[in-house]
Amino acid sequence: MRKILFLLAIASLSGCQTDAQVRSKPPLVSYTTGKSADSAVTCLIPALAQSWNAVAIQNSRFVAQTISPSNEYDIVPSGNMINGHWPFTVNVKSTGSGSKISLYQGQMMLPSLTQAMKDGIAACL
């Protein structure tokens, strides 16, 4: 019985992708902005929620996960994991003169949702 439970646990985890695995693939799009990483994140959280909620069936909030304080963040929708990972990850990384914002897609999504994410980012450039 323990072996069966162990195998089921492994099988369920094998479908999961972490944000780092999603970010190991090339981004859908990348942008640069003169804003610091902290300022970009402060702008992006409400902008992404507004653009997402305008087209999505289910409303969502977005949260920032700190990778390196004031230097790098991942912004993800809270509570909307699909198959164990986020449908999108927006990575914000500090550069010498501002920050780089990259949109990563974790799973195939409707074009309208992908466009909503791009629109949310564009509002903060």
Protein backbone atom coordinates (compact mmCIF):
# COMPACT_ATOMS: atom_id res chain seq x y z
CA MET A 1 0.00 0.00 0.00
CA ARG A 2 2.84 2.40 0.83
CA LYS A 3 4.47 1.70 -2.52
CA ILE A 4 1.24 2.53 -4.35
CA LEU A 5 0.84 5.81 -2.45
CA PHE A 6 4.47 6.69 -3.13
CA LEU A 7 4.08 6.01 -6.85
CA LEU A 8 0.88 8.06 -7.00
CA ALA A 9 2.63 10.96 -5.28
CA ILE A 10 5.54 10.80 -7.74
CA ALA A 11 3.17 10.61 -10.70
CA SER A 12 1.22 13.64 -9.54
CA LEU A 13 4.42 15.65 -9.05
CA SER A 14 5.81 14.73 -12.44
CA GLY A 15 3.22 16.97 -14.13
CA CYS A 16 4.22 20.00 -12.07
CA GLN A 17 6.48 22.72 -13.33
CA THR A 18 8.10 25.29 -11.12
CA ASP A 19 8.44 28.93 -12.14
CA ALA A 20 12.16 28.31 -12.63
CA GLN A 21 11.37 25.52 -15.12
CA VAL A 22 8.95 27.80 -16.95
CA ARG A 23 11.62 30.53 -17.02
CA SER A 24 14.20 28.09 -18.43
CA LYS A 25 12.41 28.42 -21.78
CA PRO A 26 12.66 31.60 -23.88
CA PRO A 27 10.16 34.31 -22.89
CA LEU A 28 7.18 35.06 -25.12
CA VAL A 29 8.18 38.73 -25.04
CA SER A 30 10.62 40.95 -23.15
CA TYR A 31 10.49 44.67 -22.53
CA THR A 32 12.81 47.20 -20.96
CA THR A 33 11.74 50.10 -18.81
CA GLY A 34 13.50 52.92 -17.02
CA LYS A 35 11.65 51.98 -13.81
CA SER A 36 13.45 50.19 -11.00
CA ALA A 37 12.43 46.59 -10.39
CA ASP A 38 10.53 47.64 -7.25
CA SER A 39 8.64 50.40 -9.11
CA ALA A 40 7.85 48.10 -12.03
CA VAL A 41 6.43 45.44 -9.68
CA THR A 42 4.35 48.04 -7.84
CA CYS A 43 2.83 49.09 -11.16
CA LEU A 44 2.48 45.60 -12.66
CA ILE A 45 0.49 43.90 -9.89
CA PRO A 46 -2.67 46.03 -10.30
CA ALA A 47 -2.21 46.49 -14.06
CA LEU A 48 -2.01 42.74 -14.68
CA ALA A 49 -5.03 42.08 -12.46
CA GLN A 50 -7.08 44.73 -14.26
CA SER A 51 -6.24 43.50 -17.76
CA TRP A 52 -6.62 39.80 -16.78
CA ASN A 53 -9.95 40.30 -15.02
CA ALA A 54 -11.32 42.18 -18.04
CA VAL A 55 -11.12 39.04 -20.23
CA ALA A 56 -10.89 36.03 -17.90
CA ILE A 57 -13.73 33.83 -16.75
CA GLN A 58 -12.32 33.79 -13.23
CA ASN A 59 -10.95 36.93 -11.59
CA SER A 60 -7.48 36.78 -10.15
CA ARG A 61 -5.09 38.74 -8.02
CA PHE A 62 -1.41 38.84 -8.81
CA VAL A 63 1.41 38.55 -6.29
CA ALA A 64 5.15 39.10 -6.43
CA GLN A 65 7.48 36.33 -5.37
CA THR A 66 10.86 37.76 -4.36
CA ILE A 67 13.84 36.04 -5.92
CA SER A 68 16.36 38.71 -4.89
CA PRO A 69 15.09 41.78 -2.95
CA SER A 70 15.05 44.96 -5.08
CA ASN A 71 16.69 43.00 -7.90
CA GLU A 72 14.45 40.19 -9.24
CA TYR A 73 10.82 39.16 -8.83
CA ASP A 74 8.33 36.76 -10.40
CA ILE A 75 4.74 38.00 -10.61
CA VAL A 76 2.16 35.22 -10.77
CA PRO A 77 -1.64 34.97 -10.48
CA SER A 78 -2.59 33.86 -6.99
CA GLY A 79 -4.69 30.73 -6.74
CA ASN A 80 -4.87 30.01 -10.47
CA MET A 81 -2.42 27.14 -10.83
CA ILE A 82 -3.07 24.78 -13.73
CA ASN A 83 -1.57 21.30 -13.57
CA GLY A 84 0.63 22.39 -10.69
CA HIS A 85 2.10 25.58 -12.15
CA TRP A 86 1.19 29.13 -13.04
CA PRO A 87 -0.26 29.81 -16.50
CA PHE A 88 2.02 32.84 -16.79
CA THR A 89 5.04 34.21 -14.97
CA VAL A 90 6.17 37.81 -15.38
CA ASN A 91 9.81 38.10 -14.40
CA VAL A 92 11.14 41.53 -13.45
CA LYS A 93 14.90 41.84 -13.26
CA SER A 94 16.88 44.95 -12.39
CA THR A 95 19.31 46.25 -15.01
CA GLY A 96 21.83 49.05 -14.79
CA SER A 97 19.41 51.70 -16.05
CA GLY A 98 16.01 50.28 -15.06
CA SER A 99 14.60 46.80 -15.41
CA LYS A 100 13.78 44.06 -17.88
CA ILE A 101 10.26 42.61 -17.85
CA SER A 102 9.82 39.16 -19.42
CA LEU A 103 6.57 37.28 -19.95
CA TYR A 104 6.82 33.49 -19.72
CA GLN A 105 4.00 31.13 -20.60
CA GLY A 106 3.74 28.05 -18.41
CA GLN A 107 1.01 26.34 -20.39
CA MET A 108 -0.90 26.96 -23.60
CA MET A 109 -3.49 29.63 -22.91
CA LEU A 110 -6.19 31.38 -24.88
CA PRO A 111 -4.82 34.18 -27.06
CA SER A 112 -7.09 36.66 -25.26
CA LEU A 113 -5.43 35.84 -21.92
CA THR A 114 -1.96 36.12 -23.42
CA GLN A 115 -2.92 39.51 -24.87
CA ALA A 116 -4.30 40.58 -21.48
CA MET A 117 -0.92 39.86 -19.91
CA LYS A 118 0.87 41.84 -22.64
CA ASP A 119 -1.58 44.73 -22.16
CA GLY A 120 -0.99 44.74 -18.40
CA ILE A 121 2.77 44.92 -18.94
CA ALA A 122 2.44 47.64 -21.58
CA ALA A 123 0.54 49.81 -19.09
CA CYS A 124 3.67 49.92 -16.92
CA LEU A 125 6.40 50.59 -19.47
